[in-house]
């Protein structure tokens, strides 16, 4: 998930081949979320890098969210122009797999640096981070160390979160609290209610409210401070680590069965997890790469504190209960 807030609109990249020849090359159409395709996101550099070797053109088509890309493909079905979707995550991968629209990737994925082993046959991971509540050390000297400590703070301490029906981080928070507290999840949501300044449609709106000082904390990622350190030289924005553990977001890409560019699409997925492709991710999407880049990873990432405990659900558990858990959250905070 792109962490830059300097640009609000996605800018789709132009073809890097002369117009007279572009029409003669095979075209790979990739659906993604708007931040990924923006000029400050990973899209342009991934396009340039892959086109330099594939003898093809890459066409990014952006939706307002990764959930939006899936819903669009579901509506279009086998007639979709998309060859690949980039930017789904493991929380909605089960939903995506259940559509029957995705092909096996056929890649051998070994040596990945992820929270847990990767065995998915349809989806290829390309970055990850844990969800976390961000705070500013200039205004919050002692951050809470759990959701219960956050709830115990004065009601004047405000947070911004995202709607789980439109935002993958918003859904991630629902999973995080449910995984951490189980049957007590509704109690935690009720305790958070006085602290919630607003529930926004997407991540960027709630993060902007936090950066502008409207909120004391906001839902984001353990990797978010890297953007501020590297781009702004600002080390005051930090992720609060909670004792109950944190839920990870792993972003994935998958090939559509309906694509007439199956081999080319799988070549792109292989490029996405190669050293060249992964080198692009940290400084444009502000997430951890899924392979060990060694000295190629900025020290600012390596220095980020990480959770001691990773929480999780299976695809089957999410598929069976996601609607119930979202309804529980919405009922508790209304």
Protein backbone atom coordinates (compact mmCIF):
# COMPACT_ATOMS: atom_id res chain seq x y z
CA UNK A 1 0.00 0.00 0.00
CA UNK A 2 1.56 3.26 -1.10
CA UNK A 3 2.39 5.49 1.86
CA UNK A 4 3.12 8.84 0.18
CA UNK A 5 0.49 11.55 0.74
CA UNK A 6 2.03 14.21 -1.49
CA UNK A 7 -0.08 13.36 -4.51
CA UNK A 8 -3.78 12.68 -4.38
CA UNK A 9 -4.47 11.43 -7.88
CA UNK A 10 -3.08 8.44 -9.74
CA UNK A 11 -1.07 9.25 -12.84
CA UNK A 12 -1.01 6.40 -15.33
CA UNK A 13 2.33 5.97 -17.03
CA UNK A 14 2.92 6.30 -20.76
CA UNK A 15 4.31 3.62 -22.98
CA UNK A 16 8.07 3.58 -23.23
CA UNK A 17 8.12 2.41 -26.86
CA UNK A 18 7.66 4.59 -29.97
CA UNK A 19 3.96 4.84 -30.97
CA UNK A 20 4.66 3.43 -34.41
CA UNK A 21 5.84 0.16 -32.91
CA UNK A 22 3.80 -0.09 -29.73
CA UNK A 23 0.79 -1.56 -31.52
CA UNK A 24 2.92 -4.44 -32.82
CA UNK A 25 4.06 -5.55 -29.36
CA UNK A 26 2.04 -7.82 -27.05
CA UNK A 27 0.21 -5.82 -24.37
CA UNK A 28 -0.04 -6.79 -20.72
CA UNK A 29 -2.97 -5.13 -18.94
CA UNK A 30 -2.68 -4.99 -15.17
CA UNK A 31 -5.43 -3.85 -12.81
CA UNK A 32 -4.19 -2.27 -9.58
CA UNK A 33 -5.11 0.39 -7.04
CA UNK A 34 -4.53 4.05 -7.87
CA UNK A 35 -1.52 4.64 -5.61
CA UNK A 36 0.36 1.72 -7.12
CA UNK A 37 -0.01 3.11 -10.65
CA UNK A 38 0.72 6.72 -9.66
CA UNK A 39 3.93 8.40 -10.78
CA UNK A 40 5.23 8.17 -7.20
CA UNK A 41 4.19 4.52 -6.82
CA UNK A 42 5.94 1.34 -7.95
CA UNK A 43 4.02 1.11 -11.23
CA UNK A 44 6.16 3.32 -13.50
CA UNK A 45 9.48 1.77 -12.48
CA UNK A 46 8.11 -1.79 -12.68
CA UNK A 47 6.71 -1.00 -16.11
CA UNK A 48 10.03 0.36 -17.34
CA UNK A 49 12.04 -2.50 -15.87
CA UNK A 50 9.82 -5.24 -17.30
CA UNK A 51 9.40 -3.60 -20.70
CA UNK A 52 13.18 -3.41 -21.02
CA UNK A 53 13.32 -7.21 -21.20
CA UNK A 54 9.89 -8.50 -22.26
CA UNK A 55 9.42 -7.06 -25.75
CA UNK A 56 5.93 -5.97 -24.66
CA UNK A 57 4.01 -2.99 -23.36
CA UNK A 58 2.55 -2.78 -19.85
CA UNK A 59 -0.76 -0.97 -19.37
CA UNK A 60 -1.76 -0.10 -15.82
CA UNK A 61 -5.50 0.33 -15.16
CA UNK A 62 -6.17 1.84 -11.74
CA UNK A 63 -9.16 1.54 -9.43
CA UNK A 64 -9.72 3.47 -6.20
CA UNK A 65 -8.74 0.46 -4.09
CA UNK A 66 -7.51 -3.11 -4.33
CA UNK A 67 -11.00 -4.26 -3.33
CA UNK A 68 -12.24 -2.18 -6.27
CA UNK A 69 -9.98 -4.07 -8.69
CA UNK A 70 -11.44 -7.40 -7.57
CA UNK A 71 -15.02 -6.19 -7.79
CA UNK A 72 -14.38 -4.85 -11.30
CA UNK A 73 -13.01 -8.18 -12.50
CA UNK A 74 -15.94 -9.99 -10.92
CA UNK A 75 -18.34 -7.81 -12.86
CA UNK A 76 -16.40 -8.15 -16.12
CA UNK A 77 -15.87 -11.89 -15.73
CA UNK A 78 -14.19 -13.74 -18.59
CA UNK A 79 -14.55 -10.65 -20.81
CA UNK A 80 -12.17 -8.58 -18.67
CA UNK A 81 -9.20 -6.97 -20.39
CA UNK A 82 -7.09 -7.60 -17.30
CA UNK A 83 -4.29 -10.14 -17.52
CA UNK A 84 -3.15 -9.63 -13.92
CA UNK A 85 -4.38 -8.04 -10.71
CA UNK A 86 -1.66 -6.52 -8.53
CA UNK A 87 -2.42 -5.33 -5.00
CA UNK A 88 -4.87 -7.74 -3.45
CA UNK A 89 -3.85 -8.92 -0.01
CA UNK A 90 -4.07 -12.13 1.95
CA UNK A 91 -7.20 -10.96 3.79
CA UNK A 92 -9.19 -10.93 0.54
CA UNK A 93 -7.22 -13.58 -1.38
CA UNK A 94 -9.68 -16.26 -0.29
CA UNK A 95 -12.56 -14.19 -1.64
CA UNK A 96 -10.63 -13.71 -4.89
CA UNK A 97 -9.80 -17.41 -5.16
CA UNK A 98 -13.45 -18.34 -4.66
CA UNK A 99 -14.39 -16.46 -7.84
CA UNK A 100 -12.60 -19.12 -9.88
CA UNK A 101 -11.14 -16.38 -12.09
CA UNK A 102 -7.47 -16.89 -11.20
CA UNK A 103 -4.95 -19.31 -12.73
CA UNK A 104 -2.12 -21.09 -10.93
CA UNK A 105 1.06 -19.03 -11.16
CA UNK A 106 3.36 -22.02 -11.60
CA UNK A 107 6.32 -20.29 -9.95
CA UNK A 108 8.69 -21.91 -7.49
CA UNK A 109 8.74 -19.51 -4.56
CA UNK A 110 11.48 -20.37 -2.09
CA UNK A 111 13.54 -18.30 0.30
CA UNK A 112 10.89 -15.64 0.78
CA UNK A 113 11.22 -13.38 3.84
CA UNK A 114 7.61 -13.34 5.03
CA UNK A 115 5.75 -13.88 8.30
CA UNK A 116 5.20 -17.59 7.83
CA UNK A 117 5.59 -20.08 4.98
CA UNK A 118 4.15 -19.29 1.53
CA UNK A 119 2.28 -22.11 -0.24
CA UNK A 120 -0.39 -20.30 -2.29
CA UNK A 121 -0.75 -21.70 -5.81
CA UNK A 122 -2.69 -18.74 -7.28
CA UNK A 123 -1.18 -15.66 -5.71
CA UNK A 124 2.39 -14.34 -5.59
CA UNK A 125 3.40 -12.08 -2.68
CA UNK A 126 5.39 -8.93 -3.43
CA UNK A 127 5.50 -6.89 -0.19
CA UNK A 128 4.35 -6.94 3.42
CA UNK A 129 4.11 -5.07 6.72
CA UNK A 130 2.16 -5.35 9.94
CA UNK A 131 -0.76 -3.05 10.72
CA UNK A 132 -0.01 -0.59 13.51
CA UNK A 133 -1.28 2.59 15.12
CA UNK A 134 0.96 5.54 14.28
CA UNK A 135 1.79 8.36 16.68
CA UNK A 136 3.95 11.50 16.76
CA UNK A 137 6.55 11.71 19.53
CA UNK A 138 6.19 15.50 19.54
CA UNK A 139 2.60 15.21 20.78
CA UNK A 140 2.48 11.75 22.39
CA UNK A 141 5.43 10.98 24.62
CA UNK A 142 4.13 7.67 25.95
CA UNK A 143 2.11 5.67 23.41
CA UNK A 144 -0.28 2.91 24.46
CA UNK A 145 1.15 -0.62 24.40
CA UNK A 146 -2.15 -2.36 23.68
CA UNK A 147 -5.68 -1.63 22.51
CA UNK A 148 -6.76 -1.81 26.15
CA UNK A 149 -4.26 0.89 27.10
CA UNK A 150 -5.51 3.00 24.17
CA UNK A 151 -9.09 2.60 25.38
CA UNK A 152 -8.02 3.68 28.90
CA UNK A 153 -6.65 7.02 27.63
CA UNK A 154 -8.83 10.13 27.96
CA UNK A 155 -11.58 10.36 25.35
CA UNK A 156 -9.86 13.48 24.01
CA UNK A 157 -7.20 11.20 22.47
CA UNK A 158 -8.50 10.64 18.93
CA UNK A 159 -7.71 8.10 16.25
CA UNK A 160 -8.63 7.74 12.59
CA UNK A 161 -9.36 4.38 11.00
CA UNK A 162 -10.65 3.14 7.65
CA UNK A 163 -13.91 1.52 6.56
CA UNK A 164 -13.43 -2.27 6.27
CA UNK A 165 -15.93 -2.42 3.41
CA UNK A 166 -13.82 -0.23 1.12
CA UNK A 167 -10.29 -0.35 2.54
CA UNK A 168 -7.93 -3.30 3.02
CA UNK A 169 -6.28 -1.63 6.06
CA UNK A 170 -9.76 -1.09 7.51
CA UNK A 171 -10.54 -4.77 7.08
CA UNK A 172 -7.11 -5.58 8.44
CA UNK A 173 -7.96 -3.76 11.68
CA UNK A 174 -11.12 -5.85 12.03
CA UNK A 175 -9.05 -9.02 11.65
CA UNK A 176 -6.36 -7.71 14.00
CA UNK A 177 -8.77 -7.02 16.85
CA UNK A 178 -10.68 -10.26 16.31
CA UNK A 179 -7.46 -12.31 16.22
CA UNK A 180 -6.16 -10.61 19.36
CA UNK A 181 -9.33 -10.62 21.46
CA UNK A 182 -11.69 -13.24 20.05
CA UNK A 183 -15.06 -13.08 21.83
CA UNK A 184 -13.99 -9.79 23.46
CA UNK A 185 -13.68 -8.02 20.09
CA UNK A 186 -17.03 -6.23 20.43
CA UNK A 187 -15.98 -4.98 23.87
CA UNK A 188 -12.75 -3.58 22.40
CA UNK A 189 -14.63 -1.83 19.58
CA UNK A 190 -17.06 -0.31 22.07
CA UNK A 191 -14.12 0.92 24.12
CA UNK A 192 -12.51 2.46 21.02
CA UNK A 193 -15.70 4.23 19.96
CA UNK A 194 -15.14 7.45 22.02
CA UNK A 195 -11.64 7.74 20.54
CA UNK A 196 -12.61 7.39 16.88
CA UNK A 197 -12.54 10.81 15.25
CA UNK A 198 -13.77 9.44 11.94
CA UNK A 199 -13.90 6.33 9.78
CA UNK A 200 -12.64 7.23 6.32
CA UNK A 201 -13.17 5.46 3.01
CA UNK A 202 -9.48 5.02 2.34
CA UNK A 203 -6.08 5.07 4.02
CA UNK A 204 -4.81 8.39 2.64
CA UNK A 205 -7.68 10.45 4.07
CA UNK A 206 -7.23 9.15 7.60
CA UNK A 207 -3.44 9.44 7.40
CA UNK A 208 -3.70 13.05 6.22
CA UNK A 209 -5.90 13.88 9.23
CA UNK A 210 -3.20 12.43 11.48
CA UNK A 211 -0.38 14.35 9.77
CA UNK A 212 -2.35 17.60 9.96
CA UNK A 213 -2.77 17.19 13.72
CA UNK A 214 -6.49 16.46 13.68
CA UNK A 215 -5.92 13.01 15.21
CA UNK A 216 -3.41 11.70 17.73
CA UNK A 217 -3.04 8.27 16.14
CA UNK A 218 -4.02 6.57 12.89
CA UNK A 219 -4.13 3.06 11.49
CA UNK A 220 -1.22 2.41 9.15
CA UNK A 221 1.81 0.08 9.02
CA UNK A 222 4.97 -0.67 10.95
CA UNK A 223 6.88 0.43 7.82
CA UNK A 224 5.22 3.85 7.54
CA UNK A 225 7.95 5.63 9.56
CA UNK A 226 10.46 4.73 6.83
CA UNK A 227 8.83 7.21 4.45
CA UNK A 228 9.17 10.06 6.91
CA UNK A 229 12.76 9.13 7.80
CA UNK A 230 13.97 8.70 4.22
CA UNK A 231 11.96 11.37 2.41
CA UNK A 232 11.58 14.02 5.13
CA UNK A 233 14.41 13.33 7.57
CA UNK A 234 11.70 13.17 10.24
CA UNK A 235 12.02 10.53 12.97
CA UNK A 236 9.07 11.69 15.08
CA UNK A 237 6.44 9.49 13.38
CA UNK A 238 6.50 6.02 14.90
CA UNK A 239 4.46 2.82 15.09
CA UNK A 240 3.15 1.80 18.52
CA UNK A 241 3.90 -1.85 19.19
CA UNK A 242 1.10 -3.68 21.01
CA UNK A 243 1.69 -6.55 23.42
CA UNK A 244 -1.19 -8.62 22.03
CA UNK A 245 0.59 -8.88 18.69
CA UNK A 246 -0.06 -7.46 15.22
CA UNK A 247 -1.82 -8.62 12.08
CA UNK A 248 0.20 -8.63 8.83
CA UNK A 249 -0.77 -7.39 5.42
CA UNK A 250 0.87 -9.32 2.57
CA UNK A 251 0.11 -7.86 -0.85
CA UNK A 252 -0.22 -10.29 -3.74
CA UNK A 253 -0.62 -10.51 -7.51
CA UNK A 254 -2.47 -13.09 -9.60
CA UNK A 255 -3.01 -14.02 -13.26
CA UNK A 256 -6.54 -14.17 -14.65
CA UNK A 257 -7.56 -17.44 -16.34
CA UNK A 258 -9.16 -15.42 -19.14
CA UNK A 259 -5.87 -13.75 -20.11
CA UNK A 260 -4.57 -14.54 -23.60
CA UNK A 261 -1.07 -13.61 -22.36
CA UNK A 262 -0.58 -16.40 -19.83
CA UNK A 263 3.17 -16.86 -20.28
CA UNK A 264 3.86 -13.13 -20.42
CA UNK A 265 1.76 -12.59 -17.29
CA UNK A 266 3.68 -15.27 -15.41
CA UNK A 267 6.94 -13.69 -16.58
CA UNK A 268 5.78 -10.43 -15.00
CA UNK A 269 5.04 -12.17 -11.69
CA UNK A 270 8.52 -13.70 -11.78
CA UNK A 271 9.98 -10.23 -12.41
CA UNK A 272 7.90 -8.80 -9.55
CA UNK A 273 9.61 -11.11 -7.03
CA UNK A 274 13.08 -10.88 -8.63
CA UNK A 275 15.84 -8.78 -7.09
CA UNK A 276 15.32 -6.11 -9.76
CA UNK A 277 11.59 -5.90 -9.15
CA UNK A 278 11.83 -6.08 -5.38
CA UNK A 279 14.43 -3.31 -5.27
CA UNK A 280 11.70 -0.94 -6.48
CA UNK A 281 9.14 -1.75 -3.78
CA UNK A 282 10.53 -0.30 -0.51
CA UNK A 283 11.06 3.29 -1.71
CA UNK A 284 7.83 3.52 -3.69
CA UNK A 285 5.31 1.40 -1.79
CA UNK A 286 6.99 1.79 1.63
CA UNK A 287 6.61 -1.85 2.56
CA UNK A 288 9.12 -4.62 3.19
CA UNK A 289 10.30 -6.62 0.16
CA UNK A 290 9.56 -10.35 0.17
CA UNK A 291 13.16 -11.35 -0.56
CA UNK A 292 16.36 -10.49 1.27
CA UNK A 293 17.90 -7.51 -0.53
CA UNK A 294 20.93 -7.43 1.74
CA UNK A 295 22.74 -4.10 1.48
CA UNK A 296 20.18 -3.05 -1.13
CA UNK A 297 17.60 -2.36 1.58
CA UNK A 298 17.85 1.09 3.13
CA UNK A 299 19.04 0.90 6.77
CA UNK A 300 15.96 2.90 7.78
CA UNK A 301 13.87 -0.21 7.10
CA UNK A 302 16.19 -2.54 8.96
CA UNK A 303 16.07 -0.29 12.03
CA UNK A 304 12.27 -0.28 12.29
CA UNK A 305 10.96 -2.01 15.45
CA UNK A 306 8.84 -5.04 14.59
CA UNK A 307 6.16 -6.96 16.50
CA UNK A 308 7.24 -9.94 18.56
CA UNK A 309 4.00 -11.76 17.75
CA UNK A 310 2.23 -12.12 14.40
CA UNK A 311 -1.50 -12.91 14.48
CA UNK A 312 -3.47 -14.56 11.70
CA UNK A 313 -6.52 -16.36 10.33
CA UNK A 314 -6.84 -18.95 7.59
CA UNK A 315 -8.61 -18.15 4.31
CA UNK A 316 -11.44 -20.44 5.39
CA UNK A 317 -11.91 -18.61 8.69
CA UNK A 318 -11.98 -15.23 6.96
CA UNK A 319 -14.40 -16.43 4.28
CA UNK A 320 -16.74 -17.92 6.88
CA UNK A 321 -16.78 -14.96 9.29
CA UNK A 322 -15.70 -11.73 7.56
CA UNK A 323 -19.22 -10.36 7.12
CA UNK A 324 -20.08 -11.22 10.72
CA UNK A 325 -16.89 -9.57 12.06
CA UNK A 326 -17.40 -6.42 10.00
CA UNK A 327 -21.02 -6.15 11.17
CA UNK A 328 -19.84 -6.61 14.78
CA UNK A 329 -17.39 -3.72 14.35
CA UNK A 330 -19.91 -1.40 12.69
CA UNK A 331 -22.62 -2.09 15.26
CA UNK A 332 -20.20 -1.42 18.13
CA UNK A 333 -19.01 1.99 16.93
CA UNK A 334 -22.29 3.42 15.63
